[in-house]
Amino acid sequence: MPHTKTLMEKEIMESPKVAKKFVASQWGNLAKAAAAIQAYKPRFVVLVARGTSDNACTYARYLIEKEWKVPVSLAAPGVTTLYNSKIDYRGGLVIGVSQSGQGPDVCDVIQTARSQSALTIGITNNSKSRLAKEAKYLIDLKCGPEKSVAATKTYTSELVALYGLIEAVSRGNKVKADLNSLPRLIEQGCKLSQAIWDHSHRFMYLSSCVVVGRGFHYGLAQESALKLKECAQVMAHAYSTADFHHGPKTLAGKDFPVILFAPPGPTLKGTLALLDELVERQAFVIAFSSVPQVLKKASVAIRIPGGDEIMNPMGIAPMIQTLALAVATVKGLNPDQPPYLKKVTQTK
C-alpha cells in the first residue's frame, strides 16, 4: 500500500522493475565495456560524478579496488574547469556517471580523457545526452523519466550498473546469475521499508543526525545524508565508521540520532563495538542490519535484506530513500519539490 501520493514514492517503488529492465537490455553493453577494460588493462581508474551519482561512485571505488587491485580516484572536476589544470589521464579508465548526462564538468572531464586516448565509459539515464556522446562506451540506465527532484530509481540503477560492469570484468558471464537476482533483492528492500513507516512518528522532530557506515555501505551513508538534507531538511552528516572515531563521535550523547549501517561481514566487529558505545551513551540509534544482535540493541531496528555485503546495498537503496520520504512526510514537507533545488544541476 502506498503511504503518500508523491512522485518520489512512486519512483522508489519502480526500482525493481527498472533493475529488471536494465539487466535484460544492457548485458551486451556491459559485456562490451568489460571486454574493452580487460584489453586496455588500466593502471588506475577515475570516477567522475556529482551529488547522488558521486555517492554511487563511492560504492564503485571500494568494489574496483577490491576486485581489480588498482587505485581509484573520485575526480575533482573543478581542478580543470575552474583552475585550468591539465590532468593527464593517459593509461587510465575514466567513468562518468550522471543521471541527466548533461553536467558540463562531468562531460568536460570525459571529453579531455578521451582526447588523450584514455578509455572512457558513460553511465547515464539519457542516451542522447552529451555524456553519452563524449564517452566511447555507453551504459544506459533505462529508468524512464524521473520526475521527482530526488534521485531514487536512477541511484539504484547506477549501483546495479556499476556492480554489473565491475563484476563482469572480474567474472565475465558468471556474474549474470547475480545480476538477475538483483531485482528481487531490490523488491525485498521495498517490502522491508514498511518498518520505516511503522516508526515514522518517531522522526517528526529530527533536525540533525549523523549517518555511519563503512566499506561497501559508506556510499549508502553518504546518500542517506544527502537525501535527508534535500528532502526532509535534516542537517545530516555522513561518516565512515572509522572516521567517526576521529572526533565526530563526541556528538553522540544522550538522545542524539545516529543512523547506523551494520551488515554482516568484515566491518561488523568494529560496528558492534561502536554500537555498544552508543548504547552506553543512550544515543538514539536507527540501525539498518540483518544481524539479530544489532537489531536487539538499536532504538529503532530496520531489518535489511540478507546476503552478500557487496550486493545488499542495492536492496538497501530504496530503504534509505523511504527513510528520507517518511521523515519529510511526518514533517509536512513536499519531497518532490524541495525548496531552491532543480532536477538537473548545471555545475562547471
C-alpha atoms as a PDB file:
ATOM      1  CA  MET A   1       0.000   0.000   0.000  1.00  0.00           C
ATOM      2  CA  PRO A   2       1.401   3.438  -0.873  1.00  0.00           C
ATOM      3  CA  HIS A   3       1.812   5.791   2.076  1.00  0.00           C
ATOM      4  CA  THR A   4       1.888   9.035   0.083  1.00  0.00           C
ATOM      5  CA  LYS A   5       0.786  10.326  -3.302  1.00  0.00           C
ATOM      6  CA  THR A   6       4.264  11.614  -4.076  1.00  0.00           C
ATOM      7  CA  LEU A   7       6.198  11.025  -7.254  1.00  0.00           C
ATOM      8  CA  MET A   8       9.159  10.155  -5.059  1.00  0.00           C
ATOM      9  CA  GLU A   9       7.403   7.137  -3.539  1.00  0.00           C
ATOM     10  CA  LYS A  10       6.086   6.042  -6.932  1.00  0.00           C
ATOM     11  CA  GLU A  11       9.594   6.150  -8.396  1.00  0.00           C
ATOM     12  CA  ILE A  12      11.124   4.327  -5.429  1.00  0.00           C
ATOM     13  CA  MET A  13       8.624   1.518  -5.964  1.00  0.00           C
ATOM     14  CA  GLU A  14       9.520   1.339  -9.661  1.00  0.00           C
ATOM     15  CA  SER A  15      13.117   0.403  -8.803  1.00  0.00           C
ATOM     16  CA  PRO A  16      12.728  -3.405  -9.006  1.00  0.00           C
ATOM     17  CA  LYS A  17      11.075  -3.146 -12.430  1.00  0.00           C
ATOM     18  CA  VAL A  18      13.749  -0.724 -13.613  1.00  0.00           C
ATOM     19  CA  ALA A  19      16.524  -3.063 -12.456  1.00  0.00           C
ATOM     20  CA  LYS A  20      14.920  -5.961 -14.282  1.00  0.00           C
ATOM     21  CA  LYS A  21      14.692  -3.910 -17.474  1.00  0.00           C
ATOM     22  CA  PHE A  22      18.290  -2.787 -17.115  1.00  0.00           C
ATOM     23  CA  VAL A  23      19.647  -6.303 -16.692  1.00  0.00           C
ATOM     24  CA  ALA A  24      17.582  -7.601 -19.616  1.00  0.00           C
ATOM     25  CA  SER A  25      18.588  -4.833 -22.016  1.00  0.00           C
ATOM     26  CA  GLN A  26      22.122  -3.808 -21.047  1.00  0.00           C
ATOM     27  CA  TRP A  27      24.090  -7.025 -20.644  1.00  0.00           C
ATOM     28  CA  GLY A  28      25.510  -6.621 -24.141  1.00  0.00           C
ATOM     29  CA  ASN A  29      26.757  -3.104 -23.366  1.00  0.00           C
ATOM     30  CA  LEU A  30      28.170  -4.221 -20.014  1.00  0.00           C
ATOM     31  CA  ALA A  31      29.981  -7.138 -21.645  1.00  0.00           C
ATOM     32  CA  LYS A  32      31.369  -4.938 -24.428  1.00  0.00           C
ATOM     33  CA  ALA A  33      32.685  -2.333 -21.993  1.00  0.00           C
ATOM     34  CA  ALA A  34      34.088  -5.056 -19.723  1.00  0.00           C
ATOM     35  CA  ALA A  35      35.953  -6.629 -22.634  1.00  0.00           C
ATOM     36  CA  ALA A  36      37.434  -3.244 -23.520  1.00  0.00           C
ATOM     37  CA  ILE A  37      38.616  -2.782 -19.918  1.00  0.00           C
ATOM     38  CA  GLN A  38      40.199  -6.238 -19.894  1.00  0.00           C
ATOM     39  CA  ALA A  39      42.044  -5.464 -23.125  1.00  0.00           C
ATOM     40  CA  TYR A  40      43.103  -1.965 -22.042  1.00  0.00           C
ATOM     41  CA  LYS A  41      44.374  -3.069 -18.601  1.00  0.00           C
ATOM     42  CA  PRO A  42      44.099   0.368 -16.927  1.00  0.00           C
ATOM     43  CA  ARG A  43      46.641   1.160 -14.231  1.00  0.00           C
ATOM     44  CA  PHE A  44      44.195   3.473 -12.475  1.00  0.00           C
ATOM     45  CA  VAL A  45      40.520   4.437 -12.545  1.00  0.00           C
ATOM     46  CA  VAL A  46      38.947   7.884 -12.238  1.00  0.00           C
ATOM     47  CA  LEU A  47      35.237   8.158 -11.409  1.00  0.00           C
ATOM     48  CA  VAL A  48      33.558  11.427 -12.401  1.00  0.00           C
ATOM     49  CA  ALA A  49      30.198  12.420 -10.917  1.00  0.00           C
ATOM     50  CA  ARG A  50      28.277  14.895  -8.777  1.00  0.00           C
ATOM     51  CA  GLY A  51      25.728  14.546  -5.980  1.00  0.00           C
ATOM     52  CA  THR A  52      23.861  11.265  -5.820  1.00  0.00           C
ATOM     53  CA  SER A  53      25.931   9.817  -8.662  1.00  0.00           C
ATOM     54  CA  ASP A  54      29.094  10.647  -6.698  1.00  0.00           C
ATOM     55  CA  ASN A  55      27.729   8.581  -3.805  1.00  0.00           C
ATOM     56  CA  ALA A  56      27.134   5.660  -6.171  1.00  0.00           C
ATOM     57  CA  CYS A  57      30.764   6.060  -7.244  1.00  0.00           C
ATOM     58  CA  THR A  58      31.923   5.701  -3.623  1.00  0.00           C
ATOM     59  CA  TYR A  59      30.444   2.193  -3.716  1.00  0.00           C
ATOM     60  CA  ALA A  60      32.200   1.548  -7.036  1.00  0.00           C
ATOM     61  CA  ARG A  61      35.522   2.745  -5.663  1.00  0.00           C
ATOM     62  CA  TYR A  62      35.501   0.119  -2.923  1.00  0.00           C
ATOM     63  CA  LEU A  63      34.439  -2.617  -5.323  1.00  0.00           C
ATOM     64  CA  ILE A  64      37.006  -1.790  -8.028  1.00  0.00           C
ATOM     65  CA  GLU A  65      39.903  -1.623  -5.588  1.00  0.00           C
ATOM     66  CA  LYS A  66      38.838  -4.921  -4.009  1.00  0.00           C
ATOM     67  CA  GLU A  67      38.250  -6.762  -7.282  1.00  0.00           C
ATOM     68  CA  TRP A  68      40.732  -5.217  -9.739  1.00  0.00           C
ATOM     69  CA  LYS A  69      43.512  -4.258  -7.297  1.00  0.00           C
ATOM     70  CA  VAL A  70      44.102  -0.872  -8.984  1.00  0.00           C
ATOM     71  CA  PRO A  71      43.860   2.582  -7.356  1.00  0.00           C
ATOM     72  CA  VAL A  72      40.664   4.582  -7.816  1.00  0.00           C
ATOM     73  CA  SER A  73      40.135   8.319  -7.524  1.00  0.00           C
ATOM     74  CA  LEU A  74      36.940  10.339  -7.359  1.00  0.00           C
ATOM     75  CA  ALA A  75      37.562  13.241  -9.730  1.00  0.00           C
ATOM     76  CA  ALA A  76      37.589  16.889  -8.678  1.00  0.00           C
ATOM     77  CA  PRO A  77      36.326  18.410 -11.965  1.00  0.00           C
ATOM     78  CA  GLY A  78      36.799  21.957 -10.711  1.00  0.00           C
ATOM     79  CA  VAL A  79      40.558  21.470 -10.878  1.00  0.00           C
ATOM     80  CA  THR A  80      40.146  21.582 -14.651  1.00  0.00           C
ATOM     81  CA  THR A  81      37.083  23.796 -15.122  1.00  0.00           C
ATOM     82  CA  LEU A  82      38.000  26.464 -12.548  1.00  0.00           C
ATOM     83  CA  TYR A  83      41.776  26.256 -12.196  1.00  0.00           C
ATOM     84  CA  ASN A  84      42.655  25.278 -15.778  1.00  0.00           C
ATOM     85  CA  SER A  85      44.914  22.398 -14.752  1.00  0.00           C
ATOM     86  CA  LYS A  86      45.583  19.849 -17.482  1.00  0.00           C
ATOM     87  CA  ILE A  87      45.156  16.417 -15.936  1.00  0.00           C
ATOM     88  CA  ASP A  88      46.982  13.513 -17.579  1.00  0.00           C
ATOM     89  CA  TYR A  89      44.510  10.628 -17.938  1.00  0.00           C
ATOM     90  CA  ARG A  90      46.672   8.539 -20.292  1.00  0.00           C
ATOM     91  CA  GLY A  91      46.661   4.869 -19.403  1.00  0.00           C
ATOM     92  CA  GLY A  92      43.601   5.208 -17.207  1.00  0.00           C
ATOM     93  CA  LEU A  93      39.946   4.259 -17.263  1.00  0.00           C
ATOM     94  CA  VAL A  94      37.633   7.248 -16.746  1.00  0.00           C
ATOM     95  CA  ILE A  95      33.972   6.543 -15.947  1.00  0.00           C
ATOM     96  CA  GLY A  96      31.424   9.364 -15.987  1.00  0.00           C
ATOM     97  CA  VAL A  97      28.193   8.794 -14.062  1.00  0.00           C
ATOM     98  CA  SER A  98      25.292  11.229 -14.417  1.00  0.00           C
ATOM     99  CA  GLN A  99      21.536  10.654 -14.451  1.00  0.00           C
ATOM    100  CA  SER A 100      20.943  13.504 -16.885  1.00  0.00           C
ATOM    101  CA  GLY A 101      24.226  13.151 -18.747  1.00  0.00           C
ATOM    102  CA  GLN A 102      24.288  16.951 -19.077  1.00  0.00           C
ATOM    103  CA  GLY A 103      26.577  18.147 -16.286  1.00  0.00           C
ATOM    104  CA  PRO A 104      29.204  20.295 -18.049  1.00  0.00           C
ATOM    105  CA  ASP A 105      32.024  19.482 -15.638  1.00  0.00           C
ATOM    106  CA  VAL A 106      31.491  15.724 -15.801  1.00  0.00           C
ATOM    107  CA  CYS A 107      31.277  15.825 -19.603  1.00  0.00           C
ATOM    108  CA  ASP A 108      34.368  18.045 -19.874  1.00  0.00           C
ATOM    109  CA  VAL A 109      36.456  15.502 -17.970  1.00  0.00           C
ATOM    110  CA  ILE A 110      35.257  12.664 -20.189  1.00  0.00           C
ATOM    111  CA  GLN A 111      35.969  14.732 -23.301  1.00  0.00           C
ATOM    112  CA  THR A 112      39.501  15.528 -22.121  1.00  0.00           C
ATOM    113  CA  ALA A 113      40.223  11.934 -21.133  1.00  0.00           C
ATOM    114  CA  ARG A 114      39.044  10.549 -24.464  1.00  0.00           C
ATOM    115  CA  SER A 115      41.126  13.118 -26.372  1.00  0.00           C
ATOM    116  CA  GLN A 116      44.165  11.640 -24.567  1.00  0.00           C
ATOM    117  CA  SER A 117      43.199   8.090 -25.629  1.00  0.00           C
ATOM    118  CA  ALA A 118      42.163   7.104 -22.120  1.00  0.00           C
ATOM    119  CA  LEU A 119      39.368   4.533 -22.031  1.00  0.00           C
ATOM    120  CA  THR A 120      36.059   6.295 -21.288  1.00  0.00           C
ATOM    121  CA  ILE A 121      32.656   4.942 -20.229  1.00  0.00           C
ATOM    122  CA  GLY A 122      29.456   6.924 -19.687  1.00  0.00           C
ATOM    123  CA  ILE A 123      26.666   5.713 -17.395  1.00  0.00           C
ATOM    124  CA  THR A 124      23.512   7.795 -17.785  1.00  0.00           C
ATOM    125  CA  ASN A 125      19.726   7.733 -17.972  1.00  0.00           C
ATOM    126  CA  ASN A 126      19.785   9.864 -21.136  1.00  0.00           C
ATOM    127  CA  SER A 127      21.167   8.012 -24.150  1.00  0.00           C
ATOM    128  CA  LYS A 128      21.031  11.218 -26.224  1.00  0.00           C
ATOM    129  CA  SER A 129      22.936  13.349 -23.723  1.00  0.00           C
ATOM    130  CA  ARG A 130      26.344  14.918 -24.129  1.00  0.00           C
ATOM    131  CA  LEU A 131      27.885  12.323 -21.784  1.00  0.00           C
ATOM    132  CA  ALA A 132      26.538   9.530 -23.981  1.00  0.00           C
ATOM    133  CA  LYS A 133      28.193  11.151 -26.986  1.00  0.00           C
ATOM    134  CA  GLU A 134      31.514  12.005 -25.336  1.00  0.00           C
ATOM    135  CA  ALA A 135      32.207   8.564 -23.850  1.00  0.00           C
ATOM    136  CA  LYS A 136      33.494   5.729 -26.010  1.00  0.00           C
ATOM    137  CA  TYR A 137      31.207   3.190 -24.356  1.00  0.00           C
ATOM    138  CA  LEU A 138      27.657   3.876 -23.139  1.00  0.00           C
ATOM    139  CA  ILE A 139      25.665   2.105 -20.444  1.00  0.00           C
ATOM    140  CA  ASP A 140      22.037   3.245 -20.427  1.00  0.00           C
ATOM    141  CA  LEU A 141      20.303   3.113 -17.035  1.00  0.00           C
ATOM    142  CA  LYS A 142      16.905   2.520 -18.708  1.00  0.00           C
ATOM    143  CA  CYS A 143      14.952   4.125 -15.864  1.00  0.00           C
ATOM    144  CA  GLY A 144      12.479   6.117 -17.929  1.00  0.00           C
ATOM    145  CA  PRO A 145      11.541   9.653 -16.796  1.00  0.00           C
ATOM    146  CA  GLU A 146      12.284  10.551 -13.195  1.00  0.00           C
ATOM    147  CA  LYS A 147      10.067  13.498 -12.268  1.00  0.00           C
ATOM    148  CA  SER A 148      10.712  13.950  -8.566  1.00  0.00           C
ATOM    149  CA  VAL A 149      13.689  16.178  -7.804  1.00  0.00           C
ATOM    150  CA  ALA A 150      15.154  13.483  -5.564  1.00  0.00           C
ATOM    151  CA  ALA A 151      17.061  10.808  -7.497  1.00  0.00           C
ATOM    152  CA  THR A 152      15.734   7.425  -6.410  1.00  0.00           C
ATOM    153  CA  LYS A 153      15.335   4.742  -9.073  1.00  0.00           C
ATOM    154  CA  THR A 154      18.250   6.254 -11.016  1.00  0.00           C
ATOM    155  CA  TYR A 155      20.566   5.919  -7.993  1.00  0.00           C
ATOM    156  CA  THR A 156      19.572   2.295  -7.504  1.00  0.00           C
ATOM    157  CA  SER A 157      20.077   1.625 -11.209  1.00  0.00           C
ATOM    158  CA  GLU A 158      23.521   3.262 -11.061  1.00  0.00           C
ATOM    159  CA  LEU A 159      24.524   0.851  -8.309  1.00  0.00           C
ATOM    160  CA  VAL A 160      23.310  -2.078 -10.411  1.00  0.00           C
ATOM    161  CA  ALA A 161      25.159  -0.789 -13.490  1.00  0.00           C
ATOM    162  CA  LEU A 162      28.425  -0.221 -11.624  1.00  0.00           C
ATOM    163  CA  TYR A 163      28.206  -3.600  -9.907  1.00  0.00           C
ATOM    164  CA  GLY A 164      27.480  -5.317 -13.222  1.00  0.00           C
ATOM    165  CA  LEU A 165      30.344  -3.603 -15.033  1.00  0.00           C
ATOM    166  CA  ILE A 166      32.936  -4.199 -12.324  1.00  0.00           C
ATOM    167  CA  GLU A 167      31.983  -7.817 -11.765  1.00  0.00           C
ATOM    168  CA  ALA A 168      31.762  -8.519 -15.500  1.00  0.00           C
ATOM    169  CA  VAL A 169      35.429  -7.552 -15.752  1.00  0.00           C
ATOM    170  CA  SER A 170      36.286  -9.860 -12.843  1.00  0.00           C
ATOM    171  CA  ARG A 171      33.957 -12.789 -13.532  1.00  0.00           C
ATOM    172  CA  GLY A 172      32.685 -12.491 -17.085  1.00  0.00           C
ATOM    173  CA  ASN A 173      29.403 -14.288 -17.796  1.00  0.00           C
ATOM    174  CA  LYS A 174      29.392 -15.799 -14.311  1.00  0.00           C
ATOM    175  CA  VAL A 175      28.043 -12.511 -12.928  1.00  0.00           C
ATOM    176  CA  LYS A 176      24.803 -12.824 -14.919  1.00  0.00           C
ATOM    177  CA  ALA A 177      23.140 -15.032 -12.309  1.00  0.00           C
ATOM    178  CA  ASP A 178      23.839 -12.485  -9.569  1.00  0.00           C
ATOM    179  CA  LEU A 179      22.681  -9.626 -11.795  1.00  0.00           C
ATOM    180  CA  ASN A 180      19.426 -11.450 -12.464  1.00  0.00           C
ATOM    181  CA  SER A 181      18.853 -11.796  -8.710  1.00  0.00           C
ATOM    182  CA  LEU A 182      19.143  -8.050  -8.032  1.00  0.00           C
ATOM    183  CA  PRO A 183      15.569  -7.024  -8.986  1.00  0.00           C
ATOM    184  CA  ARG A 184      14.258  -9.479  -6.399  1.00  0.00           C
ATOM    185  CA  LEU A 185      16.712  -8.131  -3.806  1.00  0.00           C
ATOM    186  CA  ILE A 186      15.558  -4.565  -4.502  1.00  0.00           C
ATOM    187  CA  GLU A 187      11.938  -5.679  -4.210  1.00  0.00           C
ATOM    188  CA  GLN A 188      12.745  -7.155  -0.786  1.00  0.00           C
ATOM    189  CA  GLY A 189      14.126  -3.777   0.243  1.00  0.00           C
ATOM    190  CA  CYS A 190      10.906  -2.076  -0.849  1.00  0.00           C
ATOM    191  CA  LYS A 191       8.864  -4.507   1.244  1.00  0.00           C
ATOM    192  CA  LEU A 192      11.096  -4.228   4.307  1.00  0.00           C
ATOM    193  CA  SER A 193      10.663  -0.441   4.164  1.00  0.00           C
ATOM    194  CA  GLN A 194       7.319  -0.896   5.912  1.00  0.00           C
ATOM    195  CA  ALA A 195       9.241  -0.897   9.210  1.00  0.00           C
ATOM    196  CA  ILE A 196      10.359   2.667   8.465  1.00  0.00           C
ATOM    197  CA  TRP A 197       6.760   3.817   8.122  1.00  0.00           C
ATOM    198  CA  ASP A 198       5.865   1.971  11.342  1.00  0.00           C
ATOM    199  CA  HIS A 199       8.398   4.113  13.220  1.00  0.00           C
ATOM    200  CA  SER A 200       7.970   7.318  11.219  1.00  0.00           C
ATOM    201  CA  HIS A 201       6.197   9.176  14.059  1.00  0.00           C
ATOM    202  CA  ARG A 202       9.473   8.996  15.993  1.00  0.00           C
ATOM    203  CA  PHE A 203      11.225  11.086  13.327  1.00  0.00           C
ATOM    204  CA  MET A 204       8.891  14.113  13.475  1.00  0.00           C
ATOM    205  CA  TYR A 205      11.386  16.327  15.288  1.00  0.00           C
ATOM    206  CA  LEU A 206      14.514  15.044  13.569  1.00  0.00           C
ATOM    207  CA  SER A 207      16.571  18.110  12.699  1.00  0.00           C
ATOM    208  CA  SER A 208      20.141  16.798  12.747  1.00  0.00           C
ATOM    209  CA  CYS A 209      21.871  13.444  12.821  1.00  0.00           C
ATOM    210  CA  VAL A 210      24.946  11.526  11.747  1.00  0.00           C
ATOM    211  CA  VAL A 211      24.902   8.574   9.345  1.00  0.00           C
ATOM    212  CA  VAL A 212      27.619   5.987   9.809  1.00  0.00           C
ATOM    213  CA  GLY A 213      28.703   3.120   7.569  1.00  0.00           C
ATOM    214  CA  ARG A 214      31.873   1.520   6.289  1.00  0.00           C
ATOM    215  CA  GLY A 215      33.197  -0.268   3.230  1.00  0.00           C
ATOM    216  CA  PHE A 216      30.513  -1.023   0.673  1.00  0.00           C
ATOM    217  CA  HIS A 217      27.963   0.769   2.862  1.00  0.00           C
ATOM    218  CA  TYR A 218      29.805   4.064   3.217  1.00  0.00           C
ATOM    219  CA  GLY A 219      28.308   5.307  -0.063  1.00  0.00           C
ATOM    220  CA  LEU A 220      24.873   4.474   1.346  1.00  0.00           C
ATOM    221  CA  ALA A 221      25.669   6.594   4.399  1.00  0.00           C
ATOM    222  CA  GLN A 222      26.600   9.490   2.099  1.00  0.00           C
ATOM    223  CA  GLU A 223      23.439   9.085   0.044  1.00  0.00           C
ATOM    224  CA  SER A 224      21.245   8.806   3.156  1.00  0.00           C
ATOM    225  CA  ALA A 225      22.656  12.074   4.468  1.00  0.00           C
ATOM    226  CA  LEU A 226      22.103  13.780   1.121  1.00  0.00           C
ATOM    227  CA  LYS A 227      18.505  12.572   0.850  1.00  0.00           C
ATOM    228  CA  LEU A 228      17.680  13.639   4.394  1.00  0.00           C
ATOM    229  CA  LYS A 229      19.066  17.101   3.676  1.00  0.00           C
ATOM    230  CA  GLU A 230      17.377  17.672   0.341  1.00  0.00           C
ATOM    231  CA  CYS A 231      14.005  16.031   1.074  1.00  0.00           C
ATOM    232  CA  ALA A 232      13.485  16.467   4.825  1.00  0.00           C
ATOM    233  CA  GLN A 233      15.638  19.482   5.760  1.00  0.00           C
ATOM    234  CA  VAL A 234      17.660  17.433   8.222  1.00  0.00           C
ATOM    235  CA  MET A 235      21.273  18.509   8.788  1.00  0.00           C
ATOM    236  CA  ALA A 236      22.701  15.030   8.295  1.00  0.00           C
ATOM    237  CA  HIS A 237      26.419  14.266   8.135  1.00  0.00           C
ATOM    238  CA  ALA A 238      27.888  11.009   6.793  1.00  0.00           C
ATOM    239  CA  TYR A 239      30.982   9.362   8.232  1.00  0.00           C
ATOM    240  CA  SER A 240      32.919   6.193   7.747  1.00  0.00           C
ATOM    241  CA  THR A 241      32.692   4.142  10.923  1.00  0.00           C
ATOM    242  CA  ALA A 242      36.472   4.511  11.220  1.00  0.00           C
ATOM    243  CA  ASP A 243      36.434   8.300  10.693  1.00  0.00           C
ATOM    244  CA  PHE A 244      33.587   8.706  13.160  1.00  0.00           C
ATOM    245  CA  HIS A 245      36.006   7.760  15.947  1.00  0.00           C
ATOM    246  CA  HIS A 246      38.373  10.588  14.948  1.00  0.00           C
ATOM    247  CA  GLY A 247      36.409  13.338  16.649  1.00  0.00           C
ATOM    248  CA  PRO A 248      32.788  13.341  15.404  1.00  0.00           C
ATOM    249  CA  LYS A 249      31.610  10.706  17.882  1.00  0.00           C
ATOM    250  CA  THR A 250      31.746  13.345  20.601  1.00  0.00           C
ATOM    251  CA  LEU A 251      28.392  14.490  19.187  1.00  0.00           C
ATOM    252  CA  ALA A 252      26.674  11.233  20.045  1.00  0.00           C
ATOM    253  CA  GLY A 253      25.418  11.855  23.547  1.00  0.00           C
ATOM    254  CA  LYS A 254      22.045  11.128  25.128  1.00  0.00           C
ATOM    255  CA  ASP A 255      19.193  11.012  22.583  1.00  0.00           C
ATOM    256  CA  PHE A 256      21.413  12.184  19.694  1.00  0.00           C
ATOM    257  CA  PRO A 257      20.254  10.469  16.466  1.00  0.00           C
ATOM    258  CA  VAL A 258      22.732   8.108  14.800  1.00  0.00           C
ATOM    259  CA  ILE A 259      21.761   6.157  11.673  1.00  0.00           C
ATOM    260  CA  LEU A 260      23.989   3.101  11.588  1.00  0.00           C
ATOM    261  CA  PHE A 261      24.582   0.561   8.814  1.00  0.00           C
ATOM    262  CA  ALA A 262      25.620  -2.760  10.335  1.00  0.00           C
ATOM    263  CA  PRO A 263      25.638  -5.538   7.723  1.00  0.00           C
ATOM    264  CA  PRO A 264      27.363  -8.884   8.309  1.00  0.00           C
ATOM    265  CA  GLY A 265      30.909  -9.113   7.019  1.00  0.00           C
ATOM    266  CA  PRO A 266      34.364  -7.719   7.849  1.00  0.00           C
ATOM    267  CA  THR A 267      33.010  -4.371   9.067  1.00  0.00           C
ATOM    268  CA  LEU A 268      30.660  -5.882  11.645  1.00  0.00           C
ATOM    269  CA  LYS A 269      33.129  -6.298  14.542  1.00  0.00           C
ATOM    270  CA  GLY A 270      34.027  -2.594  14.587  1.00  0.00           C
ATOM    271  CA  THR A 271      30.407  -1.569  14.084  1.00  0.00           C
ATOM    272  CA  LEU A 272      29.277  -3.680  17.034  1.00  0.00           C
ATOM    273  CA  ALA A 273      31.900  -2.046  19.251  1.00  0.00           C
ATOM    274  CA  LEU A 274      30.646   1.389  18.175  1.00  0.00           C
ATOM    275  CA  LEU A 275      27.037   0.351  18.757  1.00  0.00           C
ATOM    276  CA  ASP A 276      27.847  -0.748  22.322  1.00  0.00           C
ATOM    277  CA  GLU A 277      29.428   2.641  22.977  1.00  0.00           C
ATOM    278  CA  LEU A 278      26.419   4.474  21.530  1.00  0.00           C
ATOM    279  CA  VAL A 279      24.007   2.393  23.611  1.00  0.00           C
ATOM    280  CA  GLU A 280      26.036   3.145  26.745  1.00  0.00           C
ATOM    281  CA  ARG A 281      25.759   6.867  25.975  1.00  0.00           C
ATOM    282  CA  GLN A 282      21.986   6.451  25.380  1.00  0.00           C
ATOM    283  CA  ALA A 283      22.159   7.747  21.811  1.00  0.00           C
ATOM    284  CA  PHE A 284      19.098   7.288  19.600  1.00  0.00           C
ATOM    285  CA  VAL A 285      20.335   4.604  17.179  1.00  0.00           C
ATOM    286  CA  ILE A 286      18.439   3.797  13.984  1.00  0.00           C
ATOM    287  CA  ALA A 287      20.131   0.602  12.811  1.00  0.00           C
ATOM    288  CA  PHE A 288      19.886  -0.937   9.346  1.00  0.00           C
ATOM    289  CA  SER A 289      21.015  -4.531   9.775  1.00  0.00           C
ATOM    290  CA  SER A 290      20.190  -8.196   9.380  1.00  0.00           C
ATOM    291  CA  VAL A 291      22.224  -9.122  12.460  1.00  0.00           C
ATOM    292  CA  PRO A 292      19.953 -10.027  15.446  1.00  0.00           C
ATOM    293  CA  GLN A 293      22.492  -8.712  17.970  1.00  0.00           C
ATOM    294  CA  VAL A 294      22.401  -5.283  16.313  1.00  0.00           C
ATOM    295  CA  LEU A 295      18.630  -5.173  15.891  1.00  0.00           C
ATOM    296  CA  LYS A 296      18.109  -6.062  19.540  1.00  0.00           C
ATOM    297  CA  LYS A 297      20.261  -3.178  20.793  1.00  0.00           C
ATOM    298  CA  ALA A 298      19.039  -0.434  18.440  1.00  0.00           C
ATOM    299  CA  SER A 299      16.483   2.206  19.418  1.00  0.00           C
ATOM    300  CA  VAL A 300      14.837   1.653  16.020  1.00  0.00           C
ATOM    301  CA  ALA A 301      15.606  -1.627  14.263  1.00  0.00           C
ATOM    302  CA  ILE A 302      15.242  -1.753  10.478  1.00  0.00           C
ATOM    303  CA  ARG A 303      15.843  -5.212   9.053  1.00  0.00           C
ATOM    304  CA  ILE A 304      17.647  -5.211   5.689  1.00  0.00           C
ATOM    305  CA  PRO A 305      17.794  -7.906   3.013  1.00  0.00           C
ATOM    306  CA  GLY A 306      20.368 -10.505   3.933  1.00  0.00           C
ATOM    307  CA  GLY A 307      23.078 -11.960   1.764  1.00  0.00           C
ATOM    308  CA  ASP A 308      26.335 -10.758   0.288  1.00  0.00           C
ATOM    309  CA  GLU A 309      27.526  -7.403   1.691  1.00  0.00           C
ATOM    310  CA  ILE A 310      28.630  -6.436  -1.822  1.00  0.00           C
ATOM    311  CA  MET A 311      25.130  -6.927  -3.226  1.00  0.00           C
ATOM    312  CA  ASN A 312      22.825  -5.880  -0.394  1.00  0.00           C
ATOM    313  CA  PRO A 313      23.447  -2.116  -0.877  1.00  0.00           C
ATOM    314  CA  MET A 314      21.137  -2.418  -3.903  1.00  0.00           C
ATOM    315  CA  GLY A 315      18.442  -3.822  -1.623  1.00  0.00           C
ATOM    316  CA  ILE A 316      19.015  -1.124   0.980  1.00  0.00           C
ATOM    317  CA  ALA A 317      18.902   1.738  -1.557  1.00  0.00           C
ATOM    318  CA  PRO A 318      15.076   2.007  -1.673  1.00  0.00           C
ATOM    319  CA  MET A 319      15.031   1.799   2.126  1.00  0.00           C
ATOM    320  CA  ILE A 320      17.213   4.867   2.677  1.00  0.00           C
ATOM    321  CA  GLN A 321      15.122   6.729   0.126  1.00  0.00           C
ATOM    322  CA  THR A 322      11.984   5.718   2.005  1.00  0.00           C
ATOM    323  CA  LEU A 323      13.538   6.972   5.242  1.00  0.00           C
ATOM    324  CA  ALA A 324      14.003  10.435   3.740  1.00  0.00           C
ATOM    325  CA  LEU A 325      10.483  10.322   2.313  1.00  0.00           C
ATOM    326  CA  ALA A 326       8.984   9.261   5.662  1.00  0.00           C
ATOM    327  CA  VAL A 327      10.806  11.977   7.600  1.00  0.00           C
ATOM    328  CA  ALA A 328       9.694  14.589   5.070  1.00  0.00           C
ATOM    329  CA  THR A 329       6.116  13.315   5.251  1.00  0.00           C
ATOM    330  CA  VAL A 330       5.802  13.441   9.040  1.00  0.00           C
ATOM    331  CA  LYS A 331       7.312  16.942   8.992  1.00  0.00           C
ATOM    332  CA  GLY A 332       4.719  18.093   6.449  1.00  0.00           C
ATOM    333  CA  LEU A 333       7.248  18.722   3.645  1.00  0.00           C
ATOM    334  CA  ASN A 334       6.927  18.044  -0.074  1.00  0.00           C
ATOM    335  CA  PRO A 335       9.875  15.832  -1.093  1.00  0.00           C
ATOM    336  CA  ASP A 336       9.011  16.140  -4.792  1.00  0.00           C
ATOM    337  CA  GLN A 337       9.783  19.855  -4.823  1.00  0.00           C
ATOM    338  CA  PRO A 338      12.348  20.759  -2.160  1.00  0.00           C
ATOM    339  CA  PRO A 339      12.997  24.495  -1.981  1.00  0.00           C
ATOM    340  CA  TYR A 340      15.770  26.028  -4.092  1.00  0.00           C
ATOM    341  CA  LEU A 341      16.545  22.788  -5.961  1.00  0.00           C
ATOM    342  CA  LYS A 342      16.084  21.742  -9.600  1.00  0.00           C
ATOM    343  CA  LYS A 343      16.116  18.301 -11.168  1.00  0.00           C
ATOM    344  CA  VAL A 344      19.180  18.950 -13.337  1.00  0.00           C
ATOM    345  CA  THR A 345      22.033  20.887 -11.736  1.00  0.00           C
ATOM    346  CA  GLN A 346      24.489  22.550 -14.108  1.00  0.00           C
ATOM    347  CA  THR A 347      27.917  22.952 -12.489  1.00  0.00           C
ATOM    348  CA  LYS A 348      31.260  23.811 -14.018  1.00  0.00           C
END
